[in-house]
Amino acid sequence: MTTQTQQTTRPAAQQQGSHHFILTLQKPHGGGYITATFTNTFTPHPGDTRTDIYEVLFEQVTRANPELAKANVMFFSLEPNGL
């Protein structure tokens, strides 16, 4: 009996950051809430702390989405981007 294996190819991965983050924000708006989740990769500067990265990401997200200025953080995760 002969067994064949098929190898699949994947497109070259884009350059990714060293860490993956998820940030969910919520803010009252009208009679309800605006809730948004942001996810991406990020490479911190040498010596950065988790707090430094959180503050940078929160500032970048709210600058790009002014309607979320002063929003509450519902969830924040920062993990090394590797398996």
PDB file of N, CA and C in Angstrom:
ATOM      1  N   MET A   1       0.847  -1.173   0.000  1.00  0.00           N
ATOM      2  CA  MET A   1       0.000   0.000   0.000  1.00  0.00           C
ATOM      3  C   MET A   1       0.895   1.239   0.000  1.00  0.00           C
ATOM      4  N   THR A   2       0.571   2.196  -0.839  1.00  0.00           N
ATOM      5  CA  THR A   2       1.333   3.429  -0.941  1.00  0.00           C
ATOM      6  C   THR A   2       0.509   4.574  -0.373  1.00  0.00           C
ATOM      7  N   THR A   3       1.146   5.387   0.431  1.00  0.00           N
ATOM      8  CA  THR A   3       0.481   6.551   1.009  1.00  0.00           C
ATOM      9  C   THR A   3       1.109   7.805   0.428  1.00  0.00           C
ATOM     10  N   GLN A   4       0.273   8.702  -0.020  1.00  0.00           N
ATOM     11  CA  GLN A   4       0.761   9.964  -0.549  1.00  0.00           C
ATOM     12  C   GLN A   4       0.389  11.081   0.418  1.00  0.00           C
ATOM     13  N   THR A   5       1.287  12.014   0.551  1.00  0.00           N
ATOM     14  CA  THR A   5       0.972  13.190   1.356  1.00  0.00           C
ATOM     15  C   THR A   5       0.945  14.396   0.449  1.00  0.00           C
ATOM     16  N   GLN A   6       0.068  15.267   0.748  1.00  0.00           N
ATOM     17  CA  GLN A   6      -0.057  16.488  -0.035  1.00  0.00           C
ATOM     18  C   GLN A   6       0.395  17.652   0.829  1.00  0.00           C
ATOM     19  N   GLN A   7       1.281  18.429   0.280  1.00  0.00           N
ATOM     20  CA  GLN A   7       1.779  19.577   1.017  1.00  0.00           C
ATOM     21  C   GLN A   7       1.075  20.826   0.504  1.00  0.00           C
ATOM     22  N   THR A   8       0.523  21.580   1.421  1.00  0.00           N
ATOM     23  CA  THR A   8      -0.141  22.819   1.028  1.00  0.00           C
ATOM     24  C   THR A   8       0.821  23.973   1.272  1.00  0.00           C
ATOM     25  N   THR A   9       0.745  24.940   0.420  1.00  0.00           N
ATOM     26  CA  THR A   9       1.593  26.108   0.599  1.00  0.00           C
ATOM     27  C   THR A   9       0.736  27.280   1.022  1.00  0.00           C
ATOM     28  N   ARG A  10       1.317  28.082   1.850  1.00  0.00           N
ATOM     29  CA  ARG A  10       0.638  29.282   2.325  1.00  0.00           C
ATOM     30  C   ARG A  10       1.386  30.486   1.788  1.00  0.00           C
ATOM     31  N   PRO A  11       0.670  31.557   1.526  1.00  0.00           N
ATOM     32  CA  PRO A  11       1.368  32.762   1.088  1.00  0.00           C
ATOM     33  C   PRO A  11       2.339  33.234   2.171  1.00  0.00           C
ATOM     34  N   ALA A  12       3.369  33.898   1.769  1.00  0.00           N
ATOM     35  CA  ALA A  12       4.339  34.421   2.738  1.00  0.00           C
ATOM     36  C   ALA A  12       3.623  35.324   3.739  1.00  0.00           C
ATOM     37  N   ALA A  13       3.902  35.101   5.000  1.00  0.00           N
ATOM     38  CA  ALA A  13       3.274  35.899   6.056  1.00  0.00           C
ATOM     39  C   ALA A  13       3.838  37.317   6.049  1.00  0.00           C
ATOM     40  N   GLN A  14       2.959  38.253   6.303  1.00  0.00           N
ATOM     41  CA  GLN A  14       3.408  39.635   6.443  1.00  0.00           C
ATOM     42  C   GLN A  14       4.238  39.727   7.721  1.00  0.00           C
ATOM     43  N   GLN A  15       5.107  40.702   7.758  1.00  0.00           N
ATOM     44  CA  GLN A  15       5.875  40.930   8.970  1.00  0.00           C
ATOM     45  C   GLN A  15       4.908  41.266  10.099  1.00  0.00           C
ATOM     46  N   GLN A  16       5.024  40.566  11.198  1.00  0.00           N
ATOM     47  CA  GLN A  16       4.132  40.785  12.332  1.00  0.00           C
ATOM     48  C   GLN A  16       4.941  41.248  13.531  1.00  0.00           C
ATOM     49  N   GLY A  17       4.256  41.894  14.455  1.00  0.00           N
ATOM     50  CA  GLY A  17       4.906  42.348  15.678  1.00  0.00           C
ATOM     51  C   GLY A  17       5.221  41.190  16.603  1.00  0.00           C
ATOM     52  N   SER A  18       6.014  41.444  17.605  1.00  0.00           N
ATOM     53  CA  SER A  18       6.433  40.406  18.539  1.00  0.00           C
ATOM     54  C   SER A  18       5.336  40.026  19.533  1.00  0.00           C
ATOM     55  N   HIS A  19       4.318  40.882  19.668  1.00  0.00           N
ATOM     56  CA  HIS A  19       3.216  40.631  20.606  1.00  0.00           C
ATOM     57  C   HIS A  19       1.875  40.836  19.899  1.00  0.00           C
ATOM     58  N   HIS A  20       0.868  40.126  20.377  1.00  0.00           N
ATOM     59  CA  HIS A  20      -0.499  40.263  19.863  1.00  0.00           C
ATOM     60  C   HIS A  20      -1.345  40.871  20.979  1.00  0.00           C
ATOM     61  N   PHE A  21      -2.196  41.834  20.613  1.00  0.00           N
ATOM     62  CA  PHE A  21      -3.060  42.439  21.630  1.00  0.00           C
ATOM     63  C   PHE A  21      -4.512  42.408  21.196  1.00  0.00           C
ATOM     64  N   ILE A  22      -5.375  42.444  22.203  1.00  0.00           N
ATOM     65  CA  ILE A  22      -6.809  42.609  22.029  1.00  0.00           C
ATOM     66  C   ILE A  22      -7.232  43.676  23.034  1.00  0.00           C
ATOM     67  N   LEU A  23      -7.963  44.683  22.554  1.00  0.00           N
ATOM     68  CA  LEU A  23      -8.408  45.783  23.403  1.00  0.00           C
ATOM     69  C   LEU A  23      -9.880  46.048  23.100  1.00  0.00           C
ATOM     70  N   THR A  24     -10.727  45.891  24.111  1.00  0.00           N
ATOM     71  CA  THR A  24     -12.160  46.161  23.948  1.00  0.00           C
ATOM     72  C   THR A  24     -12.531  47.374  24.796  1.00  0.00           C
ATOM     73  N   LEU A  25     -13.170  48.343  24.140  1.00  0.00           N
ATOM     74  CA  LEU A  25     -13.580  49.584  24.797  1.00  0.00           C
ATOM     75  C   LEU A  25     -15.092  49.734  24.724  1.00  0.00           C
ATOM     76  N   GLN A  26     -15.650  50.415  25.730  1.00  0.00           N
ATOM     77  CA  GLN A  26     -17.084  50.686  25.738  1.00  0.00           C
ATOM     78  C   GLN A  26     -17.323  52.070  26.325  1.00  0.00           C
ATOM     79  N   LYS A  27     -18.291  52.776  25.712  1.00  0.00           N
ATOM     80  CA  LYS A  27     -18.622  54.121  26.178  1.00  0.00           C
ATOM     81  C   LYS A  27     -20.114  54.362  25.972  1.00  0.00           C
ATOM     82  N   PRO A  28     -20.773  55.002  26.971  1.00  0.00           N
ATOM     83  CA  PRO A  28     -22.177  55.349  26.772  1.00  0.00           C
ATOM     84  C   PRO A  28     -22.332  56.289  25.572  1.00  0.00           C
ATOM     85  N   HIS A  29     -23.405  56.052  24.826  1.00  0.00           N
ATOM     86  CA  HIS A  29     -23.667  56.890  23.650  1.00  0.00           C
ATOM     87  C   HIS A  29     -25.165  56.889  23.386  1.00  0.00           C
ATOM     88  N   GLY A  30     -25.757  58.077  23.409  1.00  0.00           N
ATOM     89  CA  GLY A  30     -27.204  58.158  23.211  1.00  0.00           C
ATOM     90  C   GLY A  30     -27.908  57.357  24.295  1.00  0.00           C
ATOM     91  N   GLY A  31     -28.806  56.490  23.876  1.00  0.00           N
ATOM     92  CA  GLY A  31     -29.514  55.640  24.826  1.00  0.00           C
ATOM     93  C   GLY A  31     -28.860  54.285  25.013  1.00  0.00           C
ATOM     94  N   GLY A  32     -27.680  54.085  24.438  1.00  0.00           N
ATOM     95  CA  GLY A  32     -27.025  52.783  24.539  1.00  0.00           C
ATOM     96  C   GLY A  32     -25.525  52.938  24.747  1.00  0.00           C
ATOM     97  N   TYR A  33     -24.778  52.080  24.093  1.00  0.00           N
ATOM     98  CA  TYR A  33     -23.331  52.074  24.248  1.00  0.00           C
ATOM     99  C   TYR A  33     -22.651  51.874  22.895  1.00  0.00           C
ATOM    100  N   ILE A  34     -21.449  52.406  22.789  1.00  0.00           N
ATOM    101  CA  ILE A  34     -20.548  52.060  21.699  1.00  0.00           C
ATOM    102  C   ILE A  34     -19.572  51.045  22.292  1.00  0.00           C
ATOM    103  N   THR A  35     -19.454  49.904  21.668  1.00  0.00           N
ATOM    104  CA  THR A  35     -18.490  48.893  22.095  1.00  0.00           C
ATOM    105  C   THR A  35     -17.678  48.495  20.882  1.00  0.00           C
ATOM    106  N   ALA A  36     -16.367  48.463  21.039  1.00  0.00           N
ATOM    107  CA  ALA A  36     -15.504  48.118  19.911  1.00  0.00           C
ATOM    108  C   ALA A  36     -14.305  47.319  20.406  1.00  0.00           C
ATOM    109  N   THR A  37     -13.908  46.335  19.619  1.00  0.00           N
ATOM    110  CA  THR A  37     -12.737  45.514  19.919  1.00  0.00           C
ATOM    111  C   THR A  37     -11.701  45.719  18.833  1.00  0.00           C
ATOM    112  N   PHE A  38     -10.465  45.928  19.248  1.00  0.00           N
ATOM    113  CA  PHE A  38      -9.340  46.137  18.346  1.00  0.00           C
ATOM    114  C   PHE A  38      -8.316  45.042  18.594  1.00  0.00           C
ATOM    115  N   THR A  39      -7.736  44.526  17.526  1.00  0.00           N
ATOM    116  CA  THR A  39      -6.728  43.479  17.653  1.00  0.00           C
ATOM    117  C   THR A  39      -5.676  43.669  16.574  1.00  0.00           C
ATOM    118  N   ASN A  40      -4.439  43.425  16.935  1.00  0.00           N
ATOM    119  CA  ASN A  40      -3.342  43.576  15.990  1.00  0.00           C
ATOM    120  C   ASN A  40      -2.079  43.058  16.661  1.00  0.00           C
ATOM    121  N   THR A  41      -0.951  43.238  15.987  1.00  0.00           N
ATOM    122  CA  THR A  41       0.324  42.908  16.594  1.00  0.00           C
ATOM    123  C   THR A  41       1.093  44.195  16.852  1.00  0.00           C
ATOM    124  N   PHE A  42       2.069  44.103  17.738  1.00  0.00           N
ATOM    125  CA  PHE A  42       2.791  45.277  18.201  1.00  0.00           C
ATOM    126  C   PHE A  42       4.165  44.827  18.676  1.00  0.00           C
ATOM    127  N   THR A  43       5.185  45.597  18.388  1.00  0.00           N
ATOM    128  CA  THR A  43       6.522  45.310  18.901  1.00  0.00           C
ATOM    129  C   THR A  43       6.922  46.433  19.851  1.00  0.00           C
ATOM    130  N   PRO A  44       7.040  46.118  21.141  1.00  0.00           N
ATOM    131  CA  PRO A  44       7.402  47.158  22.109  1.00  0.00           C
ATOM    132  C   PRO A  44       8.870  47.568  21.960  1.00  0.00           C
ATOM    133  N   HIS A  45       9.173  48.734  22.493  1.00  0.00           N
ATOM    134  CA  HIS A  45      10.557  49.203  22.548  1.00  0.00           C
ATOM    135  C   HIS A  45      11.266  48.491  23.704  1.00  0.00           C
ATOM    136  N   PRO A  46      12.559  48.291  23.611  1.00  0.00           N
ATOM    137  CA  PRO A  46      13.294  47.680  24.736  1.00  0.00           C
ATOM    138  C   PRO A  46      13.030  48.464  26.023  1.00  0.00           C
ATOM    139  N   GLY A  47      12.734  47.761  27.081  1.00  0.00           N
ATOM    140  CA  GLY A  47      12.469  48.383  28.373  1.00  0.00           C
ATOM    141  C   GLY A  47      11.021  48.759  28.613  1.00  0.00           C
ATOM    142  N   ASP A  48      10.168  48.676  27.589  1.00  0.00           N
ATOM    143  CA  ASP A  48       8.744  48.967  27.781  1.00  0.00           C
ATOM    144  C   ASP A  48       8.132  47.966  28.752  1.00  0.00           C
ATOM    145  N   THR A  49       7.192  48.443  29.539  1.00  0.00           N
ATOM    146  CA  THR A  49       6.438  47.579  30.442  1.00  0.00           C
ATOM    147  C   THR A  49       5.056  47.318  29.850  1.00  0.00           C
ATOM    148  N   ARG A  50       4.339  46.404  30.451  1.00  0.00           N
ATOM    149  CA  ARG A  50       2.962  46.132  30.022  1.00  0.00           C
ATOM    150  C   ARG A  50       2.112  47.405  30.132  1.00  0.00           C
ATOM    151  N   THR A  51       2.317  48.174  31.182  1.00  0.00           N
ATOM    152  CA  THR A  51       1.592  49.434  31.359  1.00  0.00           C
ATOM    153  C   THR A  51       1.919  50.419  30.253  1.00  0.00           C
ATOM    154  N   ASP A  52       3.199  50.518  29.894  1.00  0.00           N
ATOM    155  CA  ASP A  52       3.592  51.418  28.796  1.00  0.00           C
ATOM    156  C   ASP A  52       2.853  51.051  27.513  1.00  0.00           C
ATOM    157  N   ILE A  53       2.815  49.763  27.201  1.00  0.00           N
ATOM    158  CA  ILE A  53       2.174  49.307  25.968  1.00  0.00           C
ATOM    159  C   ILE A  53       0.676  49.564  26.022  1.00  0.00           C
ATOM    160  N   TYR A  54       0.044  49.271  27.155  1.00  0.00           N
ATOM    161  CA  TYR A  54      -1.385  49.542  27.320  1.00  0.00           C
ATOM    162  C   TYR A  54      -1.685  51.017  27.052  1.00  0.00           C
ATOM    163  N   GLU A  55      -0.908  51.914  27.639  1.00  0.00           N
ATOM    164  CA  GLU A  55      -1.148  53.345  27.466  1.00  0.00           C
ATOM    165  C   GLU A  55      -0.952  53.780  26.018  1.00  0.00           C
ATOM    166  N   VAL A  56       0.076  53.263  25.360  1.00  0.00           N
ATOM    167  CA  VAL A  56       0.315  53.600  23.950  1.00  0.00           C
ATOM    168  C   VAL A  56      -0.839  53.115  23.085  1.00  0.00           C
ATOM    169  N   LEU A  57      -1.261  51.874  23.284  1.00  0.00           N
ATOM    170  CA  LEU A  57      -2.340  51.309  22.470  1.00  0.00           C
ATOM    171  C   LEU A  57      -3.657  52.040  22.710  1.00  0.00           C
ATOM    172  N   PHE A  58      -3.974  52.325  23.967  1.00  0.00           N
ATOM    173  CA  PHE A  58      -5.212  53.042  24.273  1.00  0.00           C
ATOM    174  C   PHE A  58      -5.197  54.411  23.598  1.00  0.00           C
ATOM    175  N   GLU A  59      -4.073  55.103  23.676  1.00  0.00           N
ATOM    176  CA  GLU A  59      -3.961  56.436  23.066  1.00  0.00           C
ATOM    177  C   GLU A  59      -4.097  56.352  21.545  1.00  0.00           C
ATOM    178  N   GLN A  60      -3.445  55.382  20.918  1.00  0.00           N
ATOM    179  CA  GLN A  60      -3.522  55.241  19.465  1.00  0.00           C
ATOM    180  C   GLN A  60      -4.944  54.925  19.005  1.00  0.00           C
ATOM    181  N   VAL A  61      -5.587  54.013  19.705  1.00  0.00           N
ATOM    182  CA  VAL A  61      -6.945  53.608  19.328  1.00  0.00           C
ATOM    183  C   VAL A  61      -7.923  54.763  19.500  1.00  0.00           C
ATOM    184  N   THR A  62      -7.835  55.483  20.613  1.00  0.00           N
ATOM    185  CA  THR A  62      -8.793  56.568  20.845  1.00  0.00           C
ATOM    186  C   THR A  62      -8.492  57.793  19.977  1.00  0.00           C
ATOM    187  N   ARG A  63      -7.242  57.981  19.592  1.00  0.00           N
ATOM    188  CA  ARG A  63      -6.924  59.074  18.659  1.00  0.00           C
ATOM    189  C   ARG A  63      -7.520  58.765  17.288  1.00  0.00           C
ATOM    190  N   ALA A  64      -7.437  57.511  16.876  1.00  0.00           N
ATOM    191  CA  ALA A  64      -7.986  57.107  15.575  1.00  0.00           C
ATOM    192  C   ALA A  64      -9.511  57.000  15.609  1.00  0.00           C
ATOM    193  N   ASN A  65     -10.084  56.875  16.799  1.00  0.00           N
ATOM    194  CA  ASN A  65     -11.540  56.726  16.976  1.00  0.00           C
ATOM    195  C   ASN A  65     -11.993  57.680  18.075  1.00  0.00           C
ATOM    196  N   PRO A  66     -12.080  58.985  17.771  1.00  0.00           N
ATOM    197  CA  PRO A  66     -12.366  59.988  18.812  1.00  0.00           C
ATOM    198  C   PRO A  66     -13.662  59.748  19.574  1.00  0.00           C
ATOM    199  N   GLU A  67     -14.613  59.056  18.957  1.00  0.00           N
ATOM    200  CA  GLU A  67     -15.869  58.767  19.659  1.00  0.00           C
ATOM    201  C   GLU A  67     -15.648  57.868  20.872  1.00  0.00           C
ATOM    202  N   LEU A  68     -14.472  57.233  20.956  1.00  0.00           N
ATOM    203  CA  LEU A  68     -14.161  56.370  22.089  1.00  0.00           C
ATOM    204  C   LEU A  68     -13.267  57.039  23.126  1.00  0.00           C
ATOM    205  N   ALA A  69     -13.021  58.344  22.982  1.00  0.00           N
ATOM    206  CA  ALA A  69     -12.228  59.064  23.982  1.00  0.00           C
ATOM    207  C   ALA A  69     -12.873  58.881  25.356  1.00  0.00           C
ATOM    208  N   LYS A  70     -12.085  58.615  26.340  1.00  0.00           N
ATOM    209  CA  LYS A  70     -12.530  58.404  27.725  1.00  0.00           C
ATOM    210  C   LYS A  70     -13.418  57.168  27.881  1.00  0.00           C
ATOM    211  N   ALA A  71     -13.290  56.215  26.969  1.00  0.00           N
ATOM    212  CA  ALA A  71     -14.073  54.977  27.061  1.00  0.00           C
ATOM    213  C   ALA A  71     -13.550  54.098  28.204  1.00  0.00           C
ATOM    214  N   ASN A  72     -14.397  53.213  28.668  1.00  0.00           N
ATOM    215  CA  ASN A  72     -14.006  52.220  29.665  1.00  0.00           C
ATOM    216  C   ASN A  72     -13.357  51.037  28.957  1.00  0.00           C
ATOM    217  N   VAL A  73     -12.320  50.504  29.565  1.00  0.00           N
ATOM    218  CA  VAL A  73     -11.664  49.312  29.028  1.00  0.00           C
ATOM    219  C   VAL A  73     -12.390  48.098  29.593  1.00  0.00           C
ATOM    220  N   MET A  74     -12.961  47.315  28.688  1.00  0.00           N
ATOM    221  CA  MET A  74     -13.684  46.109  29.096  1.00  0.00           C
ATOM    222  C   MET A  74     -12.762  44.891  29.102  1.00  0.00           C
ATOM    223  N   PHE A  75     -11.739  44.929  28.223  1.00  0.00           N
ATOM    224  CA  PHE A  75     -10.827  43.785  28.123  1.00  0.00           C
ATOM    225  C   PHE A  75      -9.512  44.250  27.507  1.00  0.00           C
ATOM    226  N   PHE A  76      -8.396  43.755  28.053  1.00  0.00           N
ATOM    227  CA  PHE A  76      -7.084  44.002  27.467  1.00  0.00           C
ATOM    228  C   PHE A  76      -6.249  42.754  27.619  1.00  0.00           C
ATOM    229  N   SER A  77      -5.675  42.308  26.513  1.00  0.00           N
ATOM    230  CA  SER A  77      -4.786  41.149  26.534  1.00  0.00           C
ATOM    231  C   SER A  77      -3.560  41.477  25.694  1.00  0.00           C
ATOM    232  N   LEU A  78      -2.395  41.118  26.204  1.00  0.00           N
ATOM    233  CA  LEU A  78      -1.140  41.291  25.497  1.00  0.00           C
ATOM    234  C   LEU A  78      -0.317  40.039  25.728  1.00  0.00           C
ATOM    235  N   GLU A  79      -0.023  39.332  24.640  1.00  0.00           N
ATOM    236  CA  GLU A  79       0.695  38.068  24.741  1.00  0.00           C
ATOM    237  C   GLU A  79       1.788  38.014  23.686  1.00  0.00           C
ATOM    238  N   PRO A  80       2.850  37.266  23.933  1.00  0.00           N
ATOM    239  CA  PRO A  80       3.850  37.063  22.887  1.00  0.00           C
ATOM    240  C   PRO A  80       3.188  36.459  21.646  1.00  0.00           C
ATOM    241  N   ASN A  81       3.579  36.910  20.472  1.00  0.00           N
ATOM    242  CA  ASN A  81       2.955  36.474  19.219  1.00  0.00           C
ATOM    243  C   ASN A  81       3.713  35.273  18.662  1.00  0.00           C
ATOM    244  N   GLY A  82       3.598  34.177  19.332  1.00  0.00           N
ATOM    245  CA  GLY A  82       4.252  32.956  18.868  1.00  0.00           C
ATOM    246  C   GLY A  82       3.523  31.742  19.394  1.00  0.00           C
ATOM    247  N   LEU A  83       3.802  30.629  18.789  1.00  0.00           N
ATOM    248  CA  LEU A  83       3.190  29.374  19.240  1.00  0.00           C
ATOM    249  C   LEU A  83       4.225  28.505  19.900  1.00  0.00           C
TER     250      LEU A  83
END
